[in-house]
Amino acid sequence: MKTRFLLPFCLAGLAHAQVYTPPAQNNPPPAQTTPNDTAPSQQSQEKQPGPLGQEIPMLDPAAETITVGGVAIPLGDNRLLRARFEKYLSQPPESDEAAAKYRQTIAEILATISPFHEGGPDLYGAFKQLPGASVYPGDANLCGSLAESIYMAMLAKQDVNGLKKLNKGMEDEKNALIKEADFTSRQDKGTRLKETTTKDKNGDVTSHKSNEQTPGTGNVSLRYQDQVRRITEIEALKKANIIKTEAQTIRTKAQYQVSMVQWFVQRRYEHVLMAARFYNQIWKDGDATLRIDKNSDVSKLFSESVGVSPTVASLDSLSNEAIRETTKYIEAFDLMVSRNELHSASQRLMEAYALGEYLAPVATLSLEKKRRIADYVRDLHELYGTLQARDYTKTQELATRLKTVARDFPSSKVDSAIAAYTLASDLAIEEAKAHLLAKESDKAAQKIKAAAELWPTNPKLSEFRTLVSNSSGIVTARNDFDRLISEGNFREIARRQYEIAPTI
């Protein structure tokens, strides 16, 4: 695949711009929408086709896939990816001497097995460097696994070569038998009894018997029949060996390709590149088609995305593209951090991590920059939590802090949500006070319940609670006044006039 791909990943997962969206004004307060830390369900989103199909690369955190050049690469569980990203932000960079030596060894292996290597690719020279790279902890012994796969492929290739030599020997034997049988059938002579008669001068007939040599009768001999049987037997053995050779080659290629696909899904792109170049040197027959089940998920990654069968070259091309895009994302991240645009920087870093977790630009990122992103992401998730809990006082504090540290923090919807819900809660409390003074206790209870659901930590709820506690005496005085009026007990009313008068 020679097409160069653009990778504008749309990340809605870990450190993305998740903002609070309030419900419509005519919806009841309990039905408000609260933000989630995870991406929305894939079923609730309709995929819009691109102008030329699925050629625009996208990151879909709901489906746990990332699309590169129209090929959807699975990333695993999104929550697991988020946990790993948070762990990554707290890890020191892999920039020690051992890490530098490991990356240098990987580069030397790729250069040694490259077609552009001076003198041509050196298969054995590159193979000998794999054990040295496998001892690095960050390699997870994948170079050792690659060396084992190459070794098994070479052993299988030796068996195939042995079968080919055996077939050649049998072919030579067959040709010799054919020549010998041809010579035998032409030159061997048979003997038969020949009887002749003659007449003498007197007219008497005399009979004579003699043996006659008949050439070309060797094809009826047992020796000739045995030669024909052996020729047929050799031909059958040759065909069996050819089938065995093809089956062994296909089986060995399939086993080798399984490792390549696995490393590609694991985002070990450098190992994919090494495996692809070793593959081209081990098998030079031009057959690079990946032998995987047509109904498997890996096959569908290519067939359903770009409509072609997956090949070793396609894995090589996509791996190179992923490495290049990861480098570009880290460059964009560094620029955004220098401008204090931490919100966009967190997105670019998450995209780079999701695409190339094990690549050098991501692994060697300084701890200082990662800690800035970690602090921002932590406050961002705490902001989402306070919005879910409807603690708008704490939300306002966090929003103010985030706007201070990140100049590109999208605060519009957050500020709108805070203003809308706090105002709605305050107005509900004022209406509850009015209903309480109007002796409409049921309506007051409904309004105060709505206010508490909108903003459970509203300070005015405490004021209303104090008002209700203080108004219990007023309600009692009013009830006593009504009772005394109905009884006509004006003397008691006159006696309690200073207690009753303020409540009327």
Protein backbone atom coordinates (compact mmCIF):
# COMPACT_ATOMS: atom_id res chain seq x y z
CA MET A 1 0.00 0.00 0.00
CA LYS A 2 1.72 3.11 -1.24
CA THR A 3 -0.96 5.58 -0.34
CA ARG A 4 -0.03 8.05 2.34
CA PHE A 5 -2.65 8.29 5.01
CA LEU A 6 -3.82 11.23 7.07
CA LEU A 7 -4.55 10.42 10.70
CA PRO A 8 -6.86 13.03 12.30
CA PHE A 9 -8.02 10.77 15.15
CA CYS A 10 -11.28 11.79 16.80
CA LEU A 11 -10.75 10.88 20.46
CA ALA A 12 -13.73 10.98 22.78
CA GLY A 13 -12.24 8.84 25.50
CA LEU A 14 -9.76 9.49 28.23
CA ALA A 15 -8.57 13.08 28.04
CA HIS A 16 -10.97 14.33 25.44
CA ALA A 17 -13.25 17.36 25.51
CA GLN A 18 -16.09 15.85 27.50
CA VAL A 19 -18.28 18.80 28.39
CA TYR A 20 -21.50 18.97 30.31
CA THR A 21 -24.65 19.35 28.22
CA PRO A 22 -27.73 20.49 30.19
CA PRO A 23 -31.18 19.20 29.24
CA ALA A 24 -33.81 21.27 27.47
CA GLN A 25 -35.63 23.89 29.50
CA ASN A 26 -38.96 22.08 29.21
CA ASN A 27 -37.64 18.80 30.64
CA PRO A 28 -38.27 18.00 34.29
CA PRO A 29 -35.21 18.40 36.55
CA PRO A 30 -34.81 14.69 37.44
CA ALA A 31 -34.39 13.81 33.78
CA GLN A 32 -31.26 15.91 33.29
CA THR A 33 -28.36 14.47 31.37
CA THR A 34 -25.12 13.99 33.23
CA PRO A 35 -21.75 13.49 31.60
CA ASN A 36 -20.00 10.16 31.48
CA ASP A 37 -16.28 9.48 31.71
CA THR A 38 -16.64 6.86 29.00
CA ALA A 39 -17.58 7.35 25.39
CA PRO A 40 -21.21 6.99 24.29
CA SER A 41 -22.44 3.68 22.97
CA GLN A 42 -21.68 2.91 19.37
CA GLN A 43 -25.34 2.05 18.79
CA SER A 44 -26.37 5.61 19.54
CA GLN A 45 -24.10 7.01 16.86
CA GLU A 46 -24.63 6.60 13.14
CA LYS A 47 -21.47 6.37 11.09
CA GLN A 48 -21.37 8.97 8.37
CA PRO A 49 -19.61 7.71 5.24
CA GLY A 50 -16.61 9.67 4.06
CA PRO A 51 -16.50 11.40 0.68
CA LEU A 52 -14.49 8.52 -0.79
CA GLY A 53 -15.51 5.71 1.55
CA GLN A 54 -13.70 4.76 4.76
CA GLU A 55 -10.35 6.27 3.85
CA ILE A 56 -10.33 8.91 6.63
CA PRO A 57 -8.60 7.45 9.71
CA MET A 58 -10.57 7.76 12.94
CA LEU A 59 -10.24 6.64 16.55
CA ASP A 60 -13.47 5.12 17.88
CA PRO A 61 -13.11 4.63 21.66
CA ALA A 62 -16.59 3.11 21.92
CA ALA A 63 -15.62 0.31 19.56
CA GLU A 64 -12.05 0.17 20.92
CA THR A 65 -10.60 0.51 17.42
CA ILE A 66 -8.35 2.89 15.60
CA THR A 67 -8.57 3.24 11.81
CA VAL A 68 -5.36 3.75 9.87
CA GLY A 69 -5.61 4.04 6.11
CA GLY A 70 -9.10 2.55 6.16
CA VAL A 71 -8.04 -0.42 8.30
CA ALA A 72 -9.62 -0.72 11.75
CA ILE A 73 -7.02 -1.80 14.30
CA PRO A 74 -8.39 -3.13 17.62
CA LEU A 75 -7.02 -1.46 20.72
CA GLY A 76 -8.63 -3.62 23.38
CA ASP A 77 -10.94 -2.49 26.15
CA ASN A 78 -11.23 1.30 26.37
CA ARG A 79 -11.22 1.32 30.18
CA LEU A 80 -8.08 -0.79 30.15
CA LEU A 81 -6.49 1.64 27.71
CA ARG A 82 -7.44 4.52 30.00
CA ALA A 83 -5.89 2.82 33.02
CA ARG A 84 -2.72 2.13 31.05
CA PHE A 85 -2.59 5.74 29.88
CA GLU A 86 -2.85 7.01 33.46
CA LYS A 87 -0.07 4.61 34.43
CA TYR A 88 2.01 5.88 31.51
CA LEU A 89 1.64 9.48 32.71
CA SER A 90 3.21 8.51 36.04
CA GLN A 91 6.12 6.52 34.61
CA PRO A 92 9.62 7.93 34.08
CA PRO A 93 10.77 8.13 30.45
CA GLU A 94 12.63 5.21 28.90
CA SER A 95 15.70 7.26 28.12
CA ASP A 96 18.43 5.39 29.99
CA GLU A 97 21.49 3.82 28.38
CA ALA A 98 19.86 0.38 28.05
CA ALA A 99 16.85 1.83 26.23
CA ALA A 100 19.07 3.83 23.88
CA LYS A 101 21.15 0.71 23.10
CA TYR A 102 17.98 -1.30 22.46
CA ARG A 103 16.62 1.22 19.97
CA GLN A 104 20.00 1.41 18.26
CA THR A 105 20.02 -2.38 17.92
CA ILE A 106 16.51 -2.36 16.40
CA ALA A 107 17.62 0.31 13.92
CA GLU A 108 20.71 -1.73 13.00
CA ILE A 109 18.62 -4.85 12.43
CA LEU A 110 16.23 -2.97 10.15
CA ALA A 111 19.16 -1.46 8.25
CA THR A 112 20.96 -4.81 7.92
CA ILE A 113 17.94 -6.61 6.49
CA SER A 114 16.88 -3.65 4.34
CA PRO A 115 16.99 -3.97 0.53
CA PHE A 116 19.07 -0.78 0.52
CA HIS A 117 21.82 -2.35 2.64
CA GLU A 118 25.21 -2.16 0.98
CA GLY A 119 25.84 -5.51 -0.61
CA GLY A 120 22.22 -6.54 -0.26
CA PRO A 121 20.20 -7.71 2.75
CA ASP A 122 22.21 -9.73 5.26
CA LEU A 123 19.77 -12.28 6.67
CA TYR A 124 22.19 -14.01 9.03
CA GLY A 125 23.84 -10.78 10.15
CA ALA A 126 20.49 -9.34 11.20
CA PHE A 127 19.40 -12.63 12.77
CA LYS A 128 22.46 -12.69 15.06
CA GLN A 129 21.48 -9.30 16.56
CA LEU A 130 18.00 -10.40 17.68
CA PRO A 131 19.12 -12.12 20.95
CA GLY A 132 20.85 -8.92 22.07
CA ALA A 133 17.67 -6.90 21.59
CA SER A 134 15.48 -9.46 23.37
CA VAL A 135 17.23 -8.96 26.74
CA TYR A 136 15.82 -5.43 27.10
CA PRO A 137 12.76 -5.56 29.44
CA GLY A 138 10.71 -3.24 27.25
CA ASP A 139 11.03 -5.67 24.36
CA ALA A 140 9.04 -8.33 26.27
CA ASN A 141 11.28 -10.93 24.54
CA LEU A 142 9.47 -10.35 21.25
CA CYS A 143 12.80 -10.31 19.42
CA GLY A 144 13.41 -13.75 20.89
CA SER A 145 10.04 -14.89 19.57
CA LEU A 146 10.93 -13.45 16.16
CA ALA A 147 14.25 -15.29 16.19
CA GLU A 148 12.44 -18.53 17.05
CA SER A 149 9.97 -18.03 14.20
CA ILE A 150 12.83 -17.38 11.76
CA TYR A 151 14.70 -20.45 13.00
CA MET A 152 11.65 -22.69 12.56
CA ALA A 153 11.06 -21.24 9.10
CA MET A 154 14.64 -21.97 8.08
CA LEU A 155 14.39 -25.55 9.38
CA ALA A 156 11.17 -26.04 7.45
CA LYS A 157 12.83 -24.58 4.38
CA GLN A 158 15.68 -27.08 4.74
CA ASP A 159 13.13 -29.91 4.85
CA VAL A 160 11.52 -28.51 1.73
CA ASN A 161 14.90 -28.31 0.01
CA GLY A 162 15.58 -31.91 1.04
CA LEU A 163 12.31 -33.01 -0.51
CA LYS A 164 13.18 -31.13 -3.67
CA LYS A 165 16.56 -32.88 -3.84
CA LEU A 166 14.81 -36.21 -3.28
CA ASN A 167 12.43 -35.44 -6.12
CA LYS A 168 15.35 -34.54 -8.36
CA GLY A 169 17.03 -37.86 -7.56
CA MET A 170 13.84 -39.75 -8.32
CA GLU A 171 13.45 -37.80 -11.55
CA ASP A 172 16.97 -38.81 -12.60
CA GLU A 173 16.18 -42.43 -11.76
CA LYS A 174 12.97 -42.27 -13.77
CA ASN A 175 14.75 -40.82 -16.80
CA ALA A 176 17.37 -43.56 -16.62
CA LEU A 177 14.68 -46.23 -16.40
CA ILE A 178 12.83 -44.73 -19.35
CA LYS A 179 15.98 -44.79 -21.49
CA GLU A 180 16.74 -48.35 -20.47
CA ALA A 181 13.17 -49.48 -21.09
CA ASP A 182 13.14 -47.82 -24.50
CA PHE A 183 16.40 -49.51 -25.42
CA THR A 184 15.12 -52.86 -24.16
CA SER A 185 11.86 -52.61 -26.06
CA ARG A 186 13.73 -51.84 -29.30
CA GLN A 187 16.81 -54.05 -29.07
CA ASP A 188 15.84 -57.20 -27.17
CA LYS A 189 15.17 -60.12 -29.55
CA GLY A 190 12.83 -63.03 -29.16
CA THR A 191 13.45 -66.61 -30.52
CA ARG A 192 10.81 -68.60 -32.41
CA LEU A 193 10.82 -71.91 -34.28
CA LYS A 194 10.70 -71.54 -38.08
CA GLU A 195 9.75 -74.45 -40.36
CA THR A 196 10.61 -74.43 -44.11
CA THR A 197 9.96 -76.97 -46.90
CA THR A 198 11.99 -77.74 -50.04
CA LYS A 199 11.52 -80.02 -53.10
CA ASP A 200 14.27 -82.11 -54.62
CA LYS A 201 14.70 -83.15 -58.27
CA ASN A 202 12.50 -86.12 -57.86
CA GLY A 203 9.65 -83.97 -56.50
CA ASP A 204 9.97 -85.13 -52.92
CA VAL A 205 9.14 -82.54 -50.24
CA THR A 206 11.60 -82.12 -47.40
CA SER A 207 10.77 -80.19 -44.12
CA HIS A 208 13.44 -78.13 -42.27
CA LYS A 209 13.10 -76.60 -38.75
CA SER A 210 15.29 -73.71 -37.35
CA ASN A 211 15.31 -70.98 -34.64
CA GLU A 212 14.62 -67.41 -35.88
CA GLN A 213 15.63 -64.17 -34.03
CA THR A 214 12.77 -61.61 -33.82
CA PRO A 215 13.93 -58.02 -32.88
CA GLY A 216 11.77 -55.52 -30.79
CA THR A 217 10.07 -58.05 -28.54
CA GLY A 218 11.58 -56.81 -25.19
CA ASN A 219 8.33 -55.06 -24.15
CA VAL A 220 6.77 -58.38 -23.26
CA SER A 221 9.51 -59.34 -20.84
CA LEU A 222 9.13 -59.28 -17.05
CA ARG A 223 12.10 -56.95 -16.78
CA TYR A 224 10.42 -54.41 -19.01
CA GLN A 225 7.17 -54.66 -17.02
CA ASP A 226 9.11 -54.08 -13.78
CA GLN A 227 10.72 -50.97 -15.26
CA VAL A 228 7.31 -49.58 -16.22
CA ARG A 229 5.99 -50.28 -12.72
CA ARG A 230 8.97 -48.48 -11.14
CA ILE A 231 8.51 -45.46 -13.40
CA THR A 232 4.84 -45.20 -12.35
CA GLU A 233 5.81 -45.57 -8.70
CA ILE A 234 8.42 -42.81 -8.95
CA GLU A 235 5.90 -40.45 -10.53
CA ALA A 236 3.42 -41.08 -7.68
CA LEU A 237 6.12 -40.48 -5.05
CA LYS A 238 7.13 -37.25 -6.77
CA LYS A 239 3.58 -35.93 -6.73
CA ALA A 240 3.21 -36.87 -3.05
CA ASN A 241 6.44 -35.05 -2.22
CA ILE A 242 5.32 -31.98 -4.18
CA ILE A 243 2.04 -31.88 -2.23
CA LYS A 244 3.94 -32.35 1.02
CA THR A 245 6.34 -29.56 0.08
CA GLU A 246 3.54 -27.13 -0.73
CA ALA A 247 1.63 -28.00 2.44
CA GLN A 248 4.72 -27.57 4.60
CA THR A 249 5.53 -24.22 2.99
CA ILE A 250 1.99 -22.94 3.51
CA ARG A 251 1.93 -24.18 7.11
CA THR A 252 5.27 -22.56 7.91
CA LYS A 253 4.23 -19.26 6.31
CA ALA A 254 0.94 -19.27 8.22
CA GLN A 255 2.72 -19.84 11.54
CA TYR A 256 5.13 -17.02 10.79
CA GLN A 257 2.35 -14.67 9.70
CA VAL A 258 0.37 -15.28 12.89
CA SER A 259 3.17 -13.64 14.87
CA MET A 260 3.25 -10.69 12.46
CA VAL A 261 -0.49 -10.06 12.79
CA GLN A 262 -0.32 -10.39 16.56
CA TRP A 263 2.48 -7.83 16.82
CA PHE A 264 0.59 -5.49 14.52
CA VAL A 265 -2.52 -5.65 16.71
CA GLN A 266 -0.32 -5.08 19.78
CA ARG A 267 1.10 -1.96 18.07
CA ARG A 268 4.63 -3.40 17.99
CA TYR A 269 5.25 -1.84 14.61
CA GLU A 270 9.04 -2.11 14.63
CA HIS A 271 8.78 -5.87 15.15
CA VAL A 272 6.31 -6.04 12.26
CA LEU A 273 8.83 -4.26 10.03
CA MET A 274 11.62 -6.63 11.03
CA ALA A 275 9.41 -9.68 10.53
CA ALA A 276 8.28 -8.45 7.11
CA ARG A 277 11.85 -7.93 5.90
CA PHE A 278 12.96 -11.30 7.22
CA TYR A 279 9.94 -12.86 5.50
CA ASN A 280 10.98 -11.46 2.13
CA GLN A 281 14.46 -12.93 2.54
CA ILE A 282 13.31 -16.35 3.73
CA TRP A 283 10.67 -16.84 1.04
CA LYS A 284 11.60 -15.30 -2.29
CA ASP A 285 8.75 -16.80 -4.27
CA GLY A 286 6.79 -13.52 -4.30
CA ASP A 287 3.89 -15.03 -2.33
CA ALA A 288 3.14 -12.46 0.42
CA THR A 289 -0.59 -13.05 0.99
CA LEU A 290 -1.52 -13.48 4.65
CA ARG A 291 -2.96 -16.96 5.12
CA ILE A 292 -5.71 -16.29 7.62
CA ASP A 293 -9.32 -17.34 7.82
CA LYS A 294 -11.50 -15.22 5.55
CA ASN A 295 -14.13 -15.00 8.29
CA SER A 296 -11.66 -13.95 10.99
CA ASP A 297 -11.64 -10.46 12.47
CA VAL A 298 -8.12 -9.81 11.19
CA SER A 299 -9.11 -10.61 7.62
CA LYS A 300 -12.16 -8.37 7.91
CA LEU A 301 -9.91 -5.50 9.03
CA PHE A 302 -8.62 -5.34 5.47
CA SER A 303 -11.36 -6.85 3.30
CA GLU A 304 -14.21 -4.78 4.78
CA SER A 305 -12.16 -1.59 5.11
CA VAL A 306 -10.19 -1.31 1.88
CA GLY A 307 -11.63 -4.25 -0.05
CA VAL A 308 -8.33 -6.07 -0.59
CA SER A 309 -6.75 -9.22 0.80
CA PRO A 310 -4.18 -8.55 3.54
CA THR A 311 -0.55 -9.03 2.60
CA VAL A 312 2.82 -8.77 4.28
CA ALA A 313 3.46 -5.58 2.31
CA SER A 314 0.23 -4.02 3.63
CA LEU A 315 1.29 -4.69 7.23
CA ASP A 316 4.70 -3.18 6.47
CA SER A 317 3.14 -0.07 4.92
CA LEU A 318 0.64 0.47 7.72
CA SER A 319 3.35 0.03 10.35
CA ASN A 320 5.53 2.68 8.69
CA GLU A 321 2.55 5.02 8.49
CA ALA A 322 1.69 4.48 12.16
CA ILE A 323 5.29 5.24 13.19
CA ARG A 324 5.28 8.46 11.16
CA GLU A 325 1.93 9.61 12.53
CA THR A 326 2.98 8.93 16.12
CA THR A 327 6.01 11.16 15.62
CA LYS A 328 3.81 13.92 14.19
CA TYR A 329 1.43 13.73 17.14
CA ILE A 330 4.27 14.07 19.64
CA GLU A 331 5.60 17.09 17.73
CA ALA A 332 2.15 18.68 17.89
CA PHE A 333 1.95 17.81 21.60
CA ASP A 334 5.25 19.55 22.37
CA LEU A 335 4.11 22.67 20.54
CA MET A 336 0.79 22.79 22.39
CA VAL A 337 2.42 22.27 25.78
CA SER A 338 4.77 25.18 25.09
CA ARG A 339 1.68 27.33 24.47
CA ASN A 340 -0.11 26.09 27.63
CA GLU A 341 -2.83 24.53 25.47
CA LEU A 342 -3.09 21.53 27.77
CA HIS A 343 -6.55 20.47 26.68
CA SER A 344 -5.54 19.92 23.05
CA ALA A 345 -2.15 18.60 24.16
CA SER A 346 -3.82 15.92 26.30
CA GLN A 347 -5.83 14.81 23.26
CA ARG A 348 -2.75 14.64 21.02
CA LEU A 349 -0.82 12.68 23.64
CA MET A 350 -3.68 10.24 24.11
CA GLU A 351 -3.90 9.72 20.36
CA ALA A 352 -0.14 9.19 20.12
CA TYR A 353 -0.25 6.72 23.01
CA ALA A 354 -3.21 4.82 21.56
CA LEU A 355 -1.45 4.50 18.22
CA GLY A 356 2.20 3.98 19.21
CA GLU A 357 2.52 3.13 22.88
CA TYR A 358 5.87 1.37 22.42
CA LEU A 359 7.48 3.77 19.96
CA ALA A 360 10.43 5.94 20.95
CA PRO A 361 8.71 9.38 20.71
CA VAL A 362 6.06 8.25 23.21
CA ALA A 363 8.33 6.21 25.48
CA THR A 364 10.99 8.94 25.83
CA LEU A 365 8.61 11.82 26.62
CA SER A 366 9.81 13.78 29.66
CA LEU A 367 8.13 13.13 33.02
CA GLU A 368 7.59 16.86 33.62
CA LYS A 369 5.36 17.20 30.58
CA LYS A 370 3.49 14.01 31.40
CA ARG A 371 2.84 15.18 34.97
CA ARG A 372 1.33 18.43 33.69
CA ILE A 373 -1.04 16.43 31.54
CA ALA A 374 -1.76 14.03 34.41
CA ASP A 375 -2.72 16.90 36.73
CA TYR A 376 -4.93 18.43 34.06
CA VAL A 377 -6.63 15.12 33.25
CA ARG A 378 -7.21 14.41 36.95
CA ASP A 379 -8.88 17.80 37.46
CA LEU A 380 -10.87 17.28 34.27
CA HIS A 381 -12.26 13.96 35.49
CA GLU A 382 -12.97 15.47 38.90
CA LEU A 383 -14.90 18.20 37.10
CA TYR A 384 -16.99 15.53 35.38
CA GLY A 385 -17.58 13.88 38.74
CA THR A 386 -18.77 17.08 40.39
CA LEU A 387 -21.12 17.70 37.48
CA GLN A 388 -22.57 14.23 37.91
CA ALA A 389 -22.97 14.89 41.64
CA ARG A 390 -24.46 18.37 40.86
CA ASP A 391 -21.94 20.04 43.17
CA TYR A 392 -21.77 23.28 41.22
CA THR A 393 -19.75 25.12 43.86
CA LYS A 394 -16.88 22.66 43.50
CA THR A 395 -17.44 22.56 39.74
CA GLN A 396 -16.97 26.32 39.54
CA GLU A 397 -13.70 26.08 41.49
CA LEU A 398 -12.37 23.35 39.21
CA ALA A 399 -13.47 25.16 36.06
CA THR A 400 -11.68 28.30 37.23
CA ARG A 401 -8.52 26.31 37.95
CA LEU A 402 -8.62 24.52 34.59
CA LYS A 403 -9.09 27.79 32.73
CA THR A 404 -6.02 29.11 34.52
CA VAL A 405 -3.69 26.22 33.64
CA ALA A 406 -5.10 25.50 30.16
CA ARG A 407 -5.79 28.45 27.94
CA ASP A 408 -7.77 26.27 25.52
CA PHE A 409 -10.07 24.67 28.10
CA PRO A 410 -13.61 24.63 26.57
CA SER A 411 -15.54 26.12 29.47
CA SER A 412 -18.57 27.52 27.65
CA LYS A 413 -20.91 24.59 28.21
CA VAL A 414 -19.64 24.04 31.73
CA ASP A 415 -20.24 27.68 32.64
CA SER A 416 -23.66 27.58 31.00
CA ALA A 417 -24.62 24.46 32.92
CA ILE A 418 -23.49 25.98 36.22
CA ALA A 419 -25.39 29.21 35.57
CA ALA A 420 -28.55 27.44 34.40
CA TYR A 421 -28.86 24.92 37.22
CA THR A 422 -27.84 27.26 40.04
CA LEU A 423 -30.33 29.87 38.85
CA ALA A 424 -33.08 27.27 38.48
CA SER A 425 -32.40 25.98 41.99
CA ASP A 426 -32.41 29.50 43.50
CA LEU A 427 -35.68 30.37 41.75
CA ALA A 428 -37.28 27.15 42.98
CA ILE A 429 -36.29 28.02 46.55
CA GLU A 430 -37.79 31.50 46.24
CA GLU A 431 -41.01 30.00 44.90
CA ALA A 432 -41.03 27.56 47.81
CA LYS A 433 -40.76 30.49 50.23
CA ALA A 434 -43.66 32.22 48.53
CA HIS A 435 -45.82 29.09 48.71
CA LEU A 436 -44.90 28.65 52.36
CA LEU A 437 -45.99 32.18 53.21
CA ALA A 438 -49.19 31.58 51.24
CA LYS A 439 -49.89 28.52 53.40
CA GLU A 440 -49.43 26.23 50.35
CA SER A 441 -47.25 23.64 52.01
CA ASP A 442 -47.65 20.96 49.31
CA LYS A 443 -46.52 23.29 46.53
CA ALA A 444 -43.67 24.54 48.71
CA ALA A 445 -42.53 20.94 49.25
CA GLN A 446 -42.57 20.25 45.50
CA LYS A 447 -40.52 23.34 44.74
CA ILE A 448 -37.97 22.69 47.44
CA LYS A 449 -37.62 19.09 46.21
CA ALA A 450 -36.99 20.33 42.69
CA ALA A 451 -34.41 22.81 44.00
CA ALA A 452 -32.61 20.06 45.91
CA GLU A 453 -32.53 17.79 42.85
CA LEU A 454 -31.08 20.57 40.71
CA TRP A 455 -28.42 21.60 43.23
CA PRO A 456 -28.19 19.42 46.34
CA THR A 457 -25.45 21.58 47.90
CA ASN A 458 -27.19 24.93 47.36
CA PRO A 459 -26.40 27.12 50.42
CA LYS A 460 -29.90 28.60 50.25
CA LEU A 461 -31.34 25.21 51.15
CA SER A 462 -29.88 25.67 54.63
CA GLU A 463 -31.45 29.11 54.83
CA PHE A 464 -34.81 27.65 53.84
CA ARG A 465 -34.43 24.93 56.47
CA THR A 466 -33.82 27.62 59.11
CA LEU A 467 -36.82 29.55 57.85
CA VAL A 468 -39.04 26.48 58.15
CA SER A 469 -37.79 25.80 61.67
CA ASN A 470 -38.47 29.38 62.72
CA SER A 471 -41.87 29.45 61.05
CA SER A 472 -43.22 26.54 63.06
CA GLY A 473 -44.19 28.97 65.87
CA ILE A 474 -45.89 31.26 63.35
CA VAL A 475 -47.96 28.40 62.00
CA THR A 476 -48.95 27.41 65.54
CA ALA A 477 -50.00 31.00 66.37
CA ARG A 478 -52.08 31.20 63.18
CA ASN A 479 -53.82 27.93 63.96
CA ASP A 480 -54.55 29.10 67.52
CA PHE A 481 -55.98 32.38 66.18
CA ASP A 482 -58.30 30.53 63.81
CA ARG A 483 -59.41 28.22 66.58
CA LEU A 484 -60.06 31.08 69.04
CA ILE A 485 -62.10 32.95 66.41
CA SER A 486 -64.24 29.91 65.77
CA GLU A 487 -64.76 29.50 69.52
CA GLY A 488 -65.47 33.21 70.03
CA ASN A 489 -62.81 33.38 72.73
CA PHE A 490 -61.92 37.04 72.23
CA ARG A 491 -60.58 37.38 75.77
CA GLU A 492 -57.75 34.90 74.95
CA ILE A 493 -57.10 36.71 71.69
CA ALA A 494 -56.75 40.01 73.54
CA ARG A 495 -54.41 38.42 76.04
CA ARG A 496 -52.14 37.01 73.27
CA GLN A 497 -52.47 39.98 70.94
CA TYR A 498 -48.73 40.71 70.87
CA GLU A 499 -47.97 37.05 69.99
CA ILE A 500 -50.69 36.65 67.37
CA ALA A 501 -50.63 40.04 65.66
CA PRO A 502 -47.22 39.65 63.87
CA THR A 503 -48.30 36.31 62.31
CA ILE A 504 -51.51 37.65 60.76
